[in-house]
Amino acid sequence: MNHMAAIQEEQLAWRLQCFLPLPARGRPELLKFLRRRGLMFRDSPRLMVTGVFQAGDGKGLMGQFAVGGAEESPRLFVAPIEQLAFERGHPIVHDLAVYRKAREKKGLAAFSQDNDRRS
């Protein structure tokens, strides 16, 4: 990752942290991952993003999120921020879409088929 991209990623992480906690939903690959970890749900569960950090080594931004409602104790997970979907009207959504597309263009997918087979 070049220096400018690292600065832009750091700025996006800082902006995201300003909105925490942030409600989200999982994208399909993340939902598959959660099901393999024993979470059962009929619809896409509501997630609450509670932290954002840079993973380093070109892995991009990661989001720490809680799964679970008031009736159960929440479980915490960490996943690439690209695997979290936020409300369309939220001020950060456009920046995240640009970030996700730039990473996809560089071939830095959040979850790859190889990662899926290892789990």
PDB file of N, CA and C in Angstrom:
ATOM      1  N   MET A   1       0.850  -1.169   0.000  1.00  0.00           N
ATOM      2  CA  MET A   1       0.000   0.000   0.000  1.00  0.00           C
ATOM      3  C   MET A   1       0.898   1.235   0.000  1.00  0.00           C
ATOM      4  N   ASN A   2       0.556   2.193  -0.863  1.00  0.00           N
ATOM      5  CA  ASN A   2       1.369   3.400  -0.901  1.00  0.00           C
ATOM      6  C   ASN A   2       1.016   4.326   0.263  1.00  0.00           C
ATOM      7  N   HIS A   3       1.862   5.299   0.472  1.00  0.00           N
ATOM      8  CA  HIS A   3       1.722   6.210   1.612  1.00  0.00           C
ATOM      9  C   HIS A   3       0.394   6.962   1.580  1.00  0.00           C
ATOM     10  N   MET A   4      -0.009   7.442   0.395  1.00  0.00           N
ATOM     11  CA  MET A   4      -1.255   8.209   0.275  1.00  0.00           C
ATOM     12  C   MET A   4      -2.463   7.335   0.593  1.00  0.00           C
ATOM     13  N   ALA A   5      -2.471   6.101   0.113  1.00  0.00           N
ATOM     14  CA  ALA A   5      -3.579   5.194   0.402  1.00  0.00           C
ATOM     15  C   ALA A   5      -3.662   4.902   1.898  1.00  0.00           C
ATOM     16  N   ALA A   6      -2.510   4.773   2.546  1.00  0.00           N
ATOM     17  CA  ALA A   6      -2.493   4.525   3.988  1.00  0.00           C
ATOM     18  C   ALA A   6      -3.078   5.705   4.752  1.00  0.00           C
ATOM     19  N   ILE A   7      -2.771   6.915   4.318  1.00  0.00           N
ATOM     20  CA  ILE A   7      -3.317   8.109   4.963  1.00  0.00           C
ATOM     21  C   ILE A   7      -4.831   8.163   4.768  1.00  0.00           C
ATOM     22  N   GLN A   8      -5.301   7.875   3.553  1.00  0.00           N
ATOM     23  CA  GLN A   8      -6.738   7.886   3.284  1.00  0.00           C
ATOM     24  C   GLN A   8      -7.462   6.831   4.113  1.00  0.00           C
ATOM     25  N   GLU A   9      -6.855   5.657   4.261  1.00  0.00           N
ATOM     26  CA  GLU A   9      -7.447   4.598   5.073  1.00  0.00           C
ATOM     27  C   GLU A   9      -7.523   5.025   6.540  1.00  0.00           C
ATOM     28  N   GLU A  10      -6.478   5.658   7.023  1.00  0.00           N
ATOM     29  CA  GLU A  10      -6.457   6.141   8.403  1.00  0.00           C
ATOM     30  C   GLU A  10      -7.539   7.200   8.627  1.00  0.00           C
ATOM     31  N   GLN A  11      -7.719   8.095   7.658  1.00  0.00           N
ATOM     32  CA  GLN A  11      -8.760   9.117   7.767  1.00  0.00           C
ATOM     33  C   GLN A  11     -10.151   8.495   7.780  1.00  0.00           C
ATOM     34  N   LEU A  12     -10.371   7.481   6.954  1.00  0.00           N
ATOM     35  CA  LEU A  12     -11.661   6.801   6.937  1.00  0.00           C
ATOM     36  C   LEU A  12     -11.914   6.098   8.272  1.00  0.00           C
ATOM     37  N   ALA A  13     -10.896   5.482   8.828  1.00  0.00           N
ATOM     38  CA  ALA A  13     -11.035   4.836  10.136  1.00  0.00           C
ATOM     39  C   ALA A  13     -11.416   5.865  11.195  1.00  0.00           C
ATOM     40  N   TRP A  14     -10.785   7.008  11.164  1.00  0.00           N
ATOM     41  CA  TRP A  14     -11.087   8.062  12.126  1.00  0.00           C
ATOM     42  C   TRP A  14     -12.530   8.536  11.973  1.00  0.00           C
ATOM     43  N   ARG A  15     -12.965   8.743  10.721  1.00  0.00           N
ATOM     44  CA  ARG A  15     -14.358   9.182  10.474  1.00  0.00           C
ATOM     45  C   ARG A  15     -15.349   8.143  10.968  1.00  0.00           C
ATOM     46  N   LEU A  16     -15.066   6.873  10.710  1.00  0.00           N
ATOM     47  CA  LEU A  16     -15.963   5.815  11.181  1.00  0.00           C
ATOM     48  C   LEU A  16     -16.069   5.823  12.703  1.00  0.00           C
ATOM     49  N   GLN A  17     -14.959   6.021  13.376  1.00  0.00           N
ATOM     50  CA  GLN A  17     -14.955   6.016  14.836  1.00  0.00           C
ATOM     51  C   GLN A  17     -15.820   7.129  15.403  1.00  0.00           C
ATOM     52  N   CYS A  18     -15.963   8.220  14.671  1.00  0.00           N
ATOM     53  CA  CYS A  18     -16.812   9.325  15.118  1.00  0.00           C
ATOM     54  C   CYS A  18     -18.291   8.929  15.177  1.00  0.00           C
ATOM     55  N   PHE A  19     -18.682   7.911  14.410  1.00  0.00           N
ATOM     56  CA  PHE A  19     -20.082   7.492  14.349  1.00  0.00           C
ATOM     57  C   PHE A  19     -20.404   6.295  15.245  1.00  0.00           C
ATOM     58  N   LEU A  20     -19.408   5.768  15.945  1.00  0.00           N
ATOM     59  CA  LEU A  20     -19.619   4.573  16.767  1.00  0.00           C
ATOM     60  C   LEU A  20     -20.442   4.867  18.009  1.00  0.00           C
ATOM     61  N   PRO A  21     -21.253   3.914  18.468  1.00  0.00           N
ATOM     62  CA  PRO A  21     -21.566   2.624  17.842  1.00  0.00           C
ATOM     63  C   PRO A  21     -22.455   2.836  16.615  1.00  0.00           C
ATOM     64  N   LEU A  22     -22.281   1.972  15.635  1.00  0.00           N
ATOM     65  CA  LEU A  22     -22.925   2.126  14.339  1.00  0.00           C
ATOM     66  C   LEU A  22     -23.666   0.849  13.947  1.00  0.00           C
ATOM     67  N   PRO A  23     -24.994   0.915  13.773  1.00  0.00           N
ATOM     68  CA  PRO A  23     -25.728  -0.286  13.368  1.00  0.00           C
ATOM     69  C   PRO A  23     -25.378  -0.687  11.934  1.00  0.00           C
ATOM     70  N   ALA A  24     -25.361  -1.984  11.683  1.00  0.00           N
ATOM     71  CA  ALA A  24     -25.010  -2.491  10.352  1.00  0.00           C
ATOM     72  C   ALA A  24     -25.681  -3.842  10.126  1.00  0.00           C
ATOM     73  N   ARG A  25     -25.540  -4.332   8.918  1.00  0.00           N
ATOM     74  CA  ARG A  25     -25.963  -5.686   8.550  1.00  0.00           C
ATOM     75  C   ARG A  25     -24.777  -6.344   7.860  1.00  0.00           C
ATOM     76  N   GLY A  26     -24.746  -7.661   7.913  1.00  0.00           N
ATOM     77  CA  GLY A  26     -23.665  -8.388   7.269  1.00  0.00           C
ATOM     78  C   GLY A  26     -23.944  -8.634   5.802  1.00  0.00           C
ATOM     79  N   ARG A  27     -22.909  -8.583   5.003  1.00  0.00           N
ATOM     80  CA  ARG A  27     -23.025  -8.958   3.592  1.00  0.00           C
ATOM     81  C   ARG A  27     -23.023 -10.496   3.524  1.00  0.00           C
ATOM     82  N   PRO A  28     -23.416 -11.080   2.397  1.00  0.00           N
ATOM     83  CA  PRO A  28     -23.579 -12.541   2.309  1.00  0.00           C
ATOM     84  C   PRO A  28     -22.390 -13.372   2.786  1.00  0.00           C
ATOM     85  N   GLU A  29     -21.171 -12.993   2.416  1.00  0.00           N
ATOM     86  CA  GLU A  29     -20.009 -13.783   2.843  1.00  0.00           C
ATOM     87  C   GLU A  29     -19.826 -13.750   4.358  1.00  0.00           C
ATOM     88  N   LEU A  30     -20.097 -12.611   4.967  1.00  0.00           N
ATOM     89  CA  LEU A  30     -19.986 -12.511   6.422  1.00  0.00           C
ATOM     90  C   LEU A  30     -21.061 -13.355   7.096  1.00  0.00           C
ATOM     91  N   LEU A  31     -22.266 -13.358   6.536  1.00  0.00           N
ATOM     92  CA  LEU A  31     -23.342 -14.179   7.113  1.00  0.00           C
ATOM     93  C   LEU A  31     -22.996 -15.661   7.055  1.00  0.00           C
ATOM     94  N   LYS A  32     -22.378 -16.098   5.952  1.00  0.00           N
ATOM     95  CA  LYS A  32     -21.926 -17.499   5.863  1.00  0.00           C
ATOM     96  C   LYS A  32     -20.907 -17.792   6.955  1.00  0.00           C
ATOM     97  N   PHE A  33     -19.973 -16.890   7.148  1.00  0.00           N
ATOM     98  CA  PHE A  33     -18.945 -17.031   8.175  1.00  0.00           C
ATOM     99  C   PHE A  33     -19.596 -17.154   9.559  1.00  0.00           C
ATOM    100  N   LEU A  34     -20.548 -16.291   9.861  1.00  0.00           N
ATOM    101  CA  LEU A  34     -21.211 -16.326  11.169  1.00  0.00           C
ATOM    102  C   LEU A  34     -21.984 -17.620  11.379  1.00  0.00           C
ATOM    103  N   ARG A  35     -22.628 -18.109  10.325  1.00  0.00           N
ATOM    104  CA  ARG A  35     -23.361 -19.387  10.444  1.00  0.00           C
ATOM    105  C   ARG A  35     -22.406 -20.539  10.731  1.00  0.00           C
ATOM    106  N   ARG A  36     -21.240 -20.535  10.088  1.00  0.00           N
ATOM    107  CA  ARG A  36     -20.253 -21.586  10.354  1.00  0.00           C
ATOM    108  C   ARG A  36     -19.732 -21.514  11.785  1.00  0.00           C
ATOM    109  N   ARG A  37     -19.846 -20.355  12.407  1.00  0.00           N
ATOM    110  CA  ARG A  37     -19.406 -20.179  13.795  1.00  0.00           C
ATOM    111  C   ARG A  37     -20.526 -20.474  14.782  1.00  0.00           C
ATOM    112  N   GLY A  38     -21.644 -20.999  14.289  1.00  0.00           N
ATOM    113  CA  GLY A  38     -22.715 -21.442  15.180  1.00  0.00           C
ATOM    114  C   GLY A  38     -23.831 -20.449  15.434  1.00  0.00           C
ATOM    115  N   LEU A  39     -23.809 -19.317  14.790  1.00  0.00           N
ATOM    116  CA  LEU A  39     -24.908 -18.364  14.972  1.00  0.00           C
ATOM    117  C   LEU A  39     -26.030 -18.726  14.017  1.00  0.00           C
ATOM    118  N   MET A  40     -27.190 -18.926  14.551  1.00  0.00           N
ATOM    119  CA  MET A  40     -28.350 -19.273  13.733  1.00  0.00           C
ATOM    120  C   MET A  40     -29.319 -18.094  13.730  1.00  0.00           C
ATOM    121  N   PHE A  41     -29.770 -17.723  12.552  1.00  0.00           N
ATOM    122  CA  PHE A  41     -30.722 -16.632  12.423  1.00  0.00           C
ATOM    123  C   PHE A  41     -31.486 -16.810  11.127  1.00  0.00           C
ATOM    124  N   ARG A  42     -32.727 -16.347  11.128  1.00  0.00           N
ATOM    125  CA  ARG A  42     -33.569 -16.474   9.926  1.00  0.00           C
ATOM    126  C   ARG A  42     -33.292 -15.332   8.953  1.00  0.00           C
ATOM    127  N   ASP A  43     -33.326 -14.128   9.467  1.00  0.00           N
ATOM    128  CA  ASP A  43     -33.056 -12.950   8.643  1.00  0.00           C
ATOM    129  C   ASP A  43     -31.642 -12.470   8.924  1.00  0.00           C
ATOM    130  N   SER A  44     -31.240 -11.483   8.184  1.00  0.00           N
ATOM    131  CA  SER A  44     -29.931 -10.889   8.423  1.00  0.00           C
ATOM    132  C   SER A  44     -29.943 -10.227   9.803  1.00  0.00           C
ATOM    133  N   PRO A  45     -29.062 -10.659  10.699  1.00  0.00           N
ATOM    134  CA  PRO A  45     -29.080 -10.101  12.054  1.00  0.00           C
ATOM    135  C   PRO A  45     -28.574  -8.660  12.083  1.00  0.00           C
ATOM    136  N   ARG A  46     -29.083  -7.922  13.045  1.00  0.00           N
ATOM    137  CA  ARG A  46     -28.574  -6.572  13.252  1.00  0.00           C
ATOM    138  C   ARG A  46     -27.234  -6.680  13.972  1.00  0.00           C
ATOM    139  N   LEU A  47     -26.274  -5.972  13.463  1.00  0.00           N
ATOM    140  CA  LEU A  47     -24.944  -5.949  14.054  1.00  0.00           C
ATOM    141  C   LEU A  47     -24.699  -4.546  14.593  1.00  0.00           C
ATOM    142  N   MET A  48     -23.905  -4.438  15.624  1.00  0.00           N
ATOM    143  CA  MET A  48     -23.548  -3.131  16.158  1.00  0.00           C
ATOM    144  C   MET A  48     -22.027  -3.006  16.117  1.00  0.00           C
ATOM    145  N   VAL A  49     -21.548  -2.142  15.238  1.00  0.00           N
ATOM    146  CA  VAL A  49     -20.112  -1.926  15.108  1.00  0.00           C
ATOM    147  C   VAL A  49     -19.657  -1.079  16.297  1.00  0.00           C
ATOM    148  N   THR A  50     -18.702  -1.613  17.037  1.00  0.00           N
ATOM    149  CA  THR A  50     -18.235  -0.947  18.255  1.00  0.00           C
ATOM    150  C   THR A  50     -16.779  -0.490  18.161  1.00  0.00           C
ATOM    151  N   GLY A  51     -16.082  -0.874  17.103  1.00  0.00           N
ATOM    152  CA  GLY A  51     -14.693  -0.471  16.945  1.00  0.00           C
ATOM    153  C   GLY A  51     -14.242  -0.604  15.503  1.00  0.00           C
ATOM    154  N   VAL A  52     -13.275   0.211  15.111  1.00  0.00           N
ATOM    155  CA  VAL A  52     -12.696   0.176  13.767  1.00  0.00           C
ATOM    156  C   VAL A  52     -11.189   0.350  13.923  1.00  0.00           C
ATOM    157  N   PHE A  53     -10.422  -0.475  13.198  1.00  0.00           N
ATOM    158  CA  PHE A  53      -8.972  -0.352  13.261  1.00  0.00           C
ATOM    159  C   PHE A  53      -8.355  -0.825  11.960  1.00  0.00           C
ATOM    160  N   GLN A  54      -7.115  -0.392  11.731  1.00  0.00           N
ATOM    161  CA  GLN A  54      -6.370  -0.825  10.549  1.00  0.00           C
ATOM    162  C   GLN A  54      -5.670  -2.135  10.881  1.00  0.00           C
ATOM    163  N   ALA A  55      -5.848  -3.127  10.024  1.00  0.00           N
ATOM    164  CA  ALA A  55      -5.247  -4.440  10.267  1.00  0.00           C
ATOM    165  C   ALA A  55      -3.777  -4.478   9.858  1.00  0.00           C
ATOM    166  N   GLY A  56      -3.354  -3.594   8.992  1.00  0.00           N
ATOM    167  CA  GLY A  56      -1.967  -3.603   8.537  1.00  0.00           C
ATOM    168  C   GLY A  56      -1.723  -4.658   7.479  1.00  0.00           C
ATOM    169  N   ASP A  57      -0.532  -4.672   6.927  1.00  0.00           N
ATOM    170  CA  ASP A  57      -0.127  -5.642   5.901  1.00  0.00           C
ATOM    171  C   ASP A  57      -1.107  -5.713   4.736  1.00  0.00           C
ATOM    172  N   GLY A  58      -1.724  -4.592   4.383  1.00  0.00           N
ATOM    173  CA  GLY A  58      -2.640  -4.559   3.252  1.00  0.00           C
ATOM    174  C   GLY A  58      -3.980  -5.217   3.499  1.00  0.00           C
ATOM    175  N   LYS A  59      -4.265  -5.585   4.736  1.00  0.00           N
ATOM    176  CA  LYS A  59      -5.540  -6.243   5.034  1.00  0.00           C
ATOM    177  C   LYS A  59      -6.691  -5.257   5.164  1.00  0.00           C
ATOM    178  N   GLY A  60      -6.387  -3.983   5.272  1.00  0.00           N
ATOM    179  CA  GLY A  60      -7.430  -2.962   5.277  1.00  0.00           C
ATOM    180  C   GLY A  60      -8.045  -2.703   6.636  1.00  0.00           C
ATOM    181  N   LEU A  61      -9.184  -2.037   6.587  1.00  0.00           N
ATOM    182  CA  LEU A  61      -9.894  -1.683   7.808  1.00  0.00           C
ATOM    183  C   LEU A  61     -10.726  -2.860   8.306  1.00  0.00           C
ATOM    184  N   MET A  62     -10.720  -3.033   9.597  1.00  0.00           N
ATOM    185  CA  MET A  62     -11.495  -4.089  10.230  1.00  0.00           C
ATOM    186  C   MET A  62     -12.509  -3.446  11.163  1.00  0.00           C
ATOM    187  N   GLY A  63     -13.647  -4.091  11.282  1.00  0.00           N
ATOM    188  CA  GLY A  63     -14.673  -3.607  12.196  1.00  0.00           C
ATOM    189  C   GLY A  63     -14.929  -4.641  13.278  1.00  0.00           C
ATOM    190  N   GLN A  64     -14.952  -4.190  14.516  1.00  0.00           N
ATOM    191  CA  GLN A  64     -15.367  -5.062  15.621  1.00  0.00           C
ATOM    192  C   GLN A  64     -16.856  -4.839  15.782  1.00  0.00           C
ATOM    193  N   PHE A  65     -17.620  -5.924  15.846  1.00  0.00           N
ATOM    194  CA  PHE A  65     -19.064  -5.772  15.949  1.00  0.00           C
ATOM    195  C   PHE A  65     -19.651  -6.808  16.893  1.00  0.00           C
ATOM    196  N   ALA A  66     -20.787  -6.456  17.454  1.00  0.00           N
ATOM    197  CA  ALA A  66     -21.514  -7.342  18.359  1.00  0.00           C
ATOM    198  C   ALA A  66     -22.717  -7.908  17.617  1.00  0.00           C
ATOM    199  N   VAL A  67     -22.984  -9.189  17.855  1.00  0.00           N
ATOM    200  CA  VAL A  67     -24.155  -9.861  17.306  1.00  0.00           C
ATOM    201  C   VAL A  67     -24.972 -10.317  18.498  1.00  0.00           C
ATOM    202  N   GLY A  68     -26.254 -10.031  18.481  1.00  0.00           N
ATOM    203  CA  GLY A  68     -27.112 -10.463  19.583  1.00  0.00           C
ATOM    204  C   GLY A  68     -27.953  -9.312  20.075  1.00  0.00           C
ATOM    205  N   GLY A  69     -29.132  -9.654  20.505  1.00  0.00           N
ATOM    206  CA  GLY A  69     -30.051  -8.629  20.988  1.00  0.00           C
ATOM    207  C   GLY A  69     -30.075  -8.577  22.497  1.00  0.00           C
ATOM    208  N   ALA A  70     -31.082  -7.889  23.013  1.00  0.00           N
ATOM    209  CA  ALA A  70     -31.215  -7.706  24.458  1.00  0.00           C
ATOM    210  C   ALA A  70     -31.518  -9.020  25.171  1.00  0.00           C
ATOM    211  N   GLU A  71     -32.146  -9.961  24.454  1.00  0.00           N
ATOM    212  CA  GLU A  71     -32.527 -11.227  25.082  1.00  0.00           C
ATOM    213  C   GLU A  71     -31.356 -12.192  25.250  1.00  0.00           C
ATOM    214  N   GLU A  72     -30.239 -11.905  24.644  1.00  0.00           N
ATOM    215  CA  GLU A  72     -29.072 -12.779  24.742  1.00  0.00           C
ATOM    216  C   GLU A  72     -27.814 -11.936  24.914  1.00  0.00           C
ATOM    217  N   SER A  73     -26.792 -12.527  25.458  1.00  0.00           N
ATOM    218  CA  SER A  73     -25.550 -11.761  25.601  1.00  0.00           C
ATOM    219  C   SER A  73     -24.882 -11.677  24.235  1.00  0.00           C
ATOM    220  N   PRO A  74     -24.451 -10.487  23.841  1.00  0.00           N
ATOM    221  CA  PRO A  74     -23.857 -10.318  22.509  1.00  0.00           C
ATOM    222  C   PRO A  74     -22.512 -11.033  22.385  1.00  0.00           C
ATOM    223  N   ARG A  75     -22.237 -11.509  21.181  1.00  0.00           N
ATOM    224  CA  ARG A  75     -20.946 -12.113  20.868  1.00  0.00           C
ATOM    225  C   ARG A  75     -20.193 -11.136  19.994  1.00  0.00           C
ATOM    226  N   LEU A  76     -18.901 -10.976  20.250  1.00  0.00           N
ATOM    227  CA  LEU A  76     -18.079 -10.035  19.490  1.00  0.00           C
ATOM    228  C   LEU A  76     -17.298 -10.751  18.394  1.00  0.00           C
ATOM    229  N   PHE A  77     -17.214 -10.109  17.233  1.00  0.00           N
ATOM    230  CA  PHE A  77     -16.468 -10.621  16.092  1.00  0.00           C
ATOM    231  C   PHE A  77     -15.707  -9.470  15.456  1.00  0.00           C
ATOM    232  N   VAL A  78     -14.745  -9.816  14.616  1.00  0.00           N
ATOM    233  CA  VAL A  78     -14.001  -8.835  13.824  1.00  0.00           C
ATOM    234  C   VAL A  78     -14.039  -9.315  12.378  1.00  0.00           C
ATOM    235  N   ALA A  79     -14.301  -8.383  11.464  1.00  0.00           N
ATOM    236  CA  ALA A  79     -14.350  -8.718  10.038  1.00  0.00           C
ATOM    237  C   ALA A  79     -13.923  -7.494   9.233  1.00  0.00           C
ATOM    238  N   PRO A  80     -13.535  -7.711   7.976  1.00  0.00           N
ATOM    239  CA  PRO A  80     -13.221  -6.574   7.108  1.00  0.00           C
ATOM    240  C   PRO A  80     -14.434  -5.640   7.014  1.00  0.00           C
ATOM    241  N   ILE A  81     -14.175  -4.361   7.069  1.00  0.00           N
ATOM    242  CA  ILE A  81     -15.255  -3.377   7.059  1.00  0.00           C
ATOM    243  C   ILE A  81     -16.090  -3.473   5.782  1.00  0.00           C
ATOM    244  N   GLU A  82     -15.491  -3.985   4.697  1.00  0.00           N
ATOM    245  CA  GLU A  82     -16.247  -4.131   3.441  1.00  0.00           C
ATOM    246  C   GLU A  82     -17.369  -5.148   3.563  1.00  0.00           C
ATOM    247  N   GLN A  83     -17.306  -6.013   4.556  1.00  0.00           N
ATOM    248  CA  GLN A  83     -18.332  -7.038   4.729  1.00  0.00           C
ATOM    249  C   GLN A  83     -19.510  -6.565   5.578  1.00  0.00           C
ATOM    250  N   LEU A  84     -19.497  -5.303   5.953  1.00  0.00           N
ATOM    251  CA  LEU A  84     -20.592  -4.726   6.727  1.00  0.00           C
ATOM    252  C   LEU A  84     -21.352  -3.737   5.846  1.00  0.00           C
ATOM    253  N   ALA A  85     -22.671  -3.825   5.882  1.00  0.00           N
ATOM    254  CA  ALA A  85     -23.513  -2.908   5.113  1.00  0.00           C
ATOM    255  C   ALA A  85     -24.182  -1.941   6.087  1.00  0.00           C
ATOM    256  N   PHE A  86     -24.143  -0.666   5.737  1.00  0.00           N
ATOM    257  CA  PHE A  86     -24.709   0.372   6.588  1.00  0.00           C
ATOM    258  C   PHE A  86     -25.926   1.002   5.909  1.00  0.00           C
ATOM    259  N   GLU A  87     -26.753   1.685   6.684  1.00  0.00           N
ATOM    260  CA  GLU A  87     -27.950   2.327   6.137  1.00  0.00           C
ATOM    261  C   GLU A  87     -27.557   3.280   5.017  1.00  0.00           C
ATOM    262  N   ARG A  88     -28.314   3.221   3.934  1.00  0.00           N
ATOM    263  CA  ARG A  88     -27.963   3.998   2.734  1.00  0.00           C
ATOM    264  C   ARG A  88     -27.882   5.494   2.980  1.00  0.00           C
ATOM    265  N   GLY A  89     -28.676   6.023   3.856  1.00  0.00           N
ATOM    266  CA  GLY A  89     -28.680   7.460   4.095  1.00  0.00           C
ATOM    267  C   GLY A  89     -27.598   7.937   5.045  1.00  0.00           C
ATOM    268  N   HIS A  90     -26.820   7.026   5.576  1.00  0.00           N
ATOM    269  CA  HIS A  90     -25.799   7.410   6.554  1.00  0.00           C
ATOM    270  C   HIS A  90     -24.685   8.198   5.870  1.00  0.00           C
ATOM    271  N   PRO A  91     -24.157   9.236   6.539  1.00  0.00           N
ATOM    272  CA  PRO A  91     -23.121  10.086   5.919  1.00  0.00           C
ATOM    273  C   PRO A  91     -21.837   9.352   5.506  1.00  0.00           C
ATOM    274  N   ILE A  92     -21.523   8.224   6.093  1.00  0.00           N
ATOM    275  CA  ILE A  92     -20.258   7.535   5.808  1.00  0.00           C
ATOM    276  C   ILE A  92     -20.368   6.532   4.647  1.00  0.00           C
ATOM    277  N   VAL A  93     -21.581   6.245   4.208  1.00  0.00           N
ATOM    278  CA  VAL A  93     -21.803   5.188   3.210  1.00  0.00           C
ATOM    279  C   VAL A  93     -21.056   5.444   1.898  1.00  0.00           C
ATOM    280  N   HIS A  94     -21.085   6.657   1.403  1.00  0.00           N
ATOM    281  CA  HIS A  94     -20.409   6.942   0.134  1.00  0.00           C
ATOM    282  C   HIS A  94     -18.909   6.681   0.252  1.00  0.00           C
ATOM    283  N   ASP A  95     -18.289   7.137   1.333  1.00  0.00           N
ATOM    284  CA  ASP A  95     -16.858   6.926   1.530  1.00  0.00           C
ATOM    285  C   ASP A  95     -16.516   5.442   1.601  1.00  0.00           C
ATOM    286  N   LEU A  96     -17.369   4.669   2.257  1.00  0.00           N
ATOM    287  CA  LEU A  96     -17.135   3.223   2.352  1.00  0.00           C
ATOM    288  C   LEU A  96     -17.277   2.543   0.993  1.00  0.00           C
ATOM    289  N   ALA A  97     -18.231   2.994   0.188  1.00  0.00           N
ATOM    290  CA  ALA A  97     -18.411   2.408  -1.154  1.00  0.00           C
ATOM    291  C   ALA A  97     -17.178   2.682  -2.017  1.00  0.00           C
ATOM    292  N   VAL A  98     -16.633   3.882  -1.946  1.00  0.00           N
ATOM    293  CA  VAL A  98     -15.421   4.222  -2.692  1.00  0.00           C
ATOM    294  C   VAL A  98     -14.258   3.358  -2.212  1.00  0.00           C
ATOM    295  N   TYR A  99     -14.129   3.203  -0.904  1.00  0.00           N
ATOM    296  CA  TYR A  99     -13.062   2.379  -0.311  1.00  0.00           C
ATOM    297  C   TYR A  99     -13.181   0.922  -0.774  1.00  0.00           C
ATOM    298  N   ARG A 100     -14.390   0.374  -0.710  1.00  0.00           N
ATOM    299  CA  ARG A 100     -14.610  -1.023  -1.095  1.00  0.00           C
ATOM    300  C   ARG A 100     -14.281  -1.238  -2.575  1.00  0.00           C
ATOM    301  N   LYS A 101     -14.730  -0.335  -3.431  1.00  0.00           N
ATOM    302  CA  LYS A 101     -14.465  -0.468  -4.869  1.00  0.00           C
ATOM    303  C   LYS A 101     -12.971  -0.366  -5.171  1.00  0.00           C
ATOM    304  N   ALA A 102     -12.279   0.528  -4.470  1.00  0.00           N
ATOM    305  CA  ALA A 102     -10.835   0.664  -4.685  1.00  0.00           C
ATOM    306  C   ALA A 102     -10.107  -0.612  -4.286  1.00  0.00           C
ATOM    307  N   ARG A 103     -10.518  -1.236  -3.185  1.00  0.00           N
ATOM    308  CA  ARG A 103      -9.884  -2.483  -2.745  1.00  0.00           C
ATOM    309  C   ARG A 103     -10.201  -3.621  -3.707  1.00  0.00           C
ATOM    310  N   GLU A 104     -11.424  -3.681  -4.202  1.00  0.00           N
ATOM    311  CA  GLU A 104     -11.791  -4.720  -5.170  1.00  0.00           C
ATOM    312  C   GLU A 104     -10.990  -4.554  -6.459  1.00  0.00           C
ATOM    313  N   LYS A 105     -10.813  -3.313  -6.886  1.00  0.00           N
ATOM    314  CA  LYS A 105     -10.059  -3.030  -8.114  1.00  0.00           C
ATOM    315  C   LYS A 105      -8.605  -3.488  -7.980  1.00  0.00           C
ATOM    316  N   LYS A 106      -8.058  -3.377  -6.780  1.00  0.00           N
ATOM    317  CA  LYS A 106      -6.679  -3.807  -6.522  1.00  0.00           C
ATOM    318  C   LYS A 106      -6.592  -5.303  -6.250  1.00  0.00           C
ATOM    319  N   GLY A 107      -7.734  -5.993  -6.235  1.00  0.00           N
ATOM    320  CA  GLY A 107      -7.734  -7.428  -5.970  1.00  0.00           C
ATOM    321  C   GLY A 107      -7.599  -7.771  -4.499  1.00  0.00           C
ATOM    322  N   LEU A 108      -7.981  -6.870  -3.636  1.00  0.00           N
ATOM    323  CA  LEU A 108      -7.888  -7.093  -2.194  1.00  0.00           C
ATOM    324  C   LEU A 108      -9.282  -7.391  -1.632  1.00  0.00           C
ATOM    325  N   ALA A 109      -9.840  -8.511  -2.033  1.00  0.00           N
ATOM    326  CA  ALA A 109     -11.186  -8.869  -1.599  1.00  0.00           C
ATOM    327  C   ALA A 109     -11.214  -9.122  -0.101  1.00  0.00           C
ATOM    328  N   ALA A 110     -12.325  -8.773   0.524  1.00  0.00           N
ATOM    329  CA  ALA A 110     -12.478  -8.942   1.969  1.00  0.00           C
ATOM    330  C   ALA A 110     -12.469 -10.411   2.370  1.00  0.00           C
ATOM    331  N   PHE A 111     -13.187 -11.246   1.635  1.00  0.00           N
ATOM    332  CA  PHE A 111     -13.195 -12.691   1.852  1.00  0.00           C
ATOM    333  C   PHE A 111     -12.962 -13.329   0.496  1.00  0.00           C
ATOM    334  N   SER A 112     -12.034 -14.245   0.424  1.00  0.00           N
ATOM    335  CA  SER A 112     -11.801 -14.938  -0.841  1.00  0.00           C
ATOM    336  C   SER A 112     -12.253 -16.379  -0.713  1.00  0.00           C
ATOM    337  N   GLN A 113     -12.333 -17.067  -1.833  1.00  0.00           N
ATOM    338  CA  GLN A 113     -12.703 -18.481  -1.813  1.00  0.00           C
ATOM    339  C   GLN A 113     -11.715 -19.280  -0.978  1.00  0.00           C
ATOM    340  N   ASP A 114     -10.422 -18.916  -1.035  1.00  0.00           N
ATOM    341  CA  ASP A 114      -9.413 -19.619  -0.251  1.00  0.00           C
ATOM    342  C   ASP A 114      -9.668 -19.483   1.245  1.00  0.00           C
ATOM    343  N   ASN A 115     -10.010 -18.263   1.683  1.00  0.00           N
ATOM    344  CA  ASN A 115     -10.316 -18.047   3.092  1.00  0.00           C
ATOM    345  C   ASN A 115     -11.532 -18.852   3.508  1.00  0.00           C
ATOM    346  N   ASP A 116     -12.520 -18.951   2.611  1.00  0.00           N
ATOM    347  CA  ASP A 116     -13.756 -19.656   2.893  1.00  0.00           C
ATOM    348  C   ASP A 116     -13.499 -21.142   3.120  1.00  0.00           C
ATOM    349  N   ARG A 117     -12.585 -21.740   2.367  1.00  0.00           N
ATOM    350  CA  ARG A 117     -12.307 -23.177   2.489  1.00  0.00           C
ATOM    351  C   ARG A 117     -11.533 -23.519   3.750  1.00  0.00           C
ATOM    352  N   ARG A 118     -10.721 -22.586   4.241  1.00  0.00           N
ATOM    353  CA  ARG A 118      -9.902 -22.851   5.419  1.00  0.00           C
ATOM    354  C   ARG A 118     -10.704 -22.941   6.694  1.00  0.00           C
ATOM    355  N   SER A 119     -11.854 -22.280   6.740  1.00  0.00           N
ATOM    356  CA  SER A 119     -12.633 -22.226   7.978  1.00  0.00           C
ATOM    357  C   SER A 119     -13.383 -23.500   8.241  1.00  0.00           C
TER     358      SER A 119
END
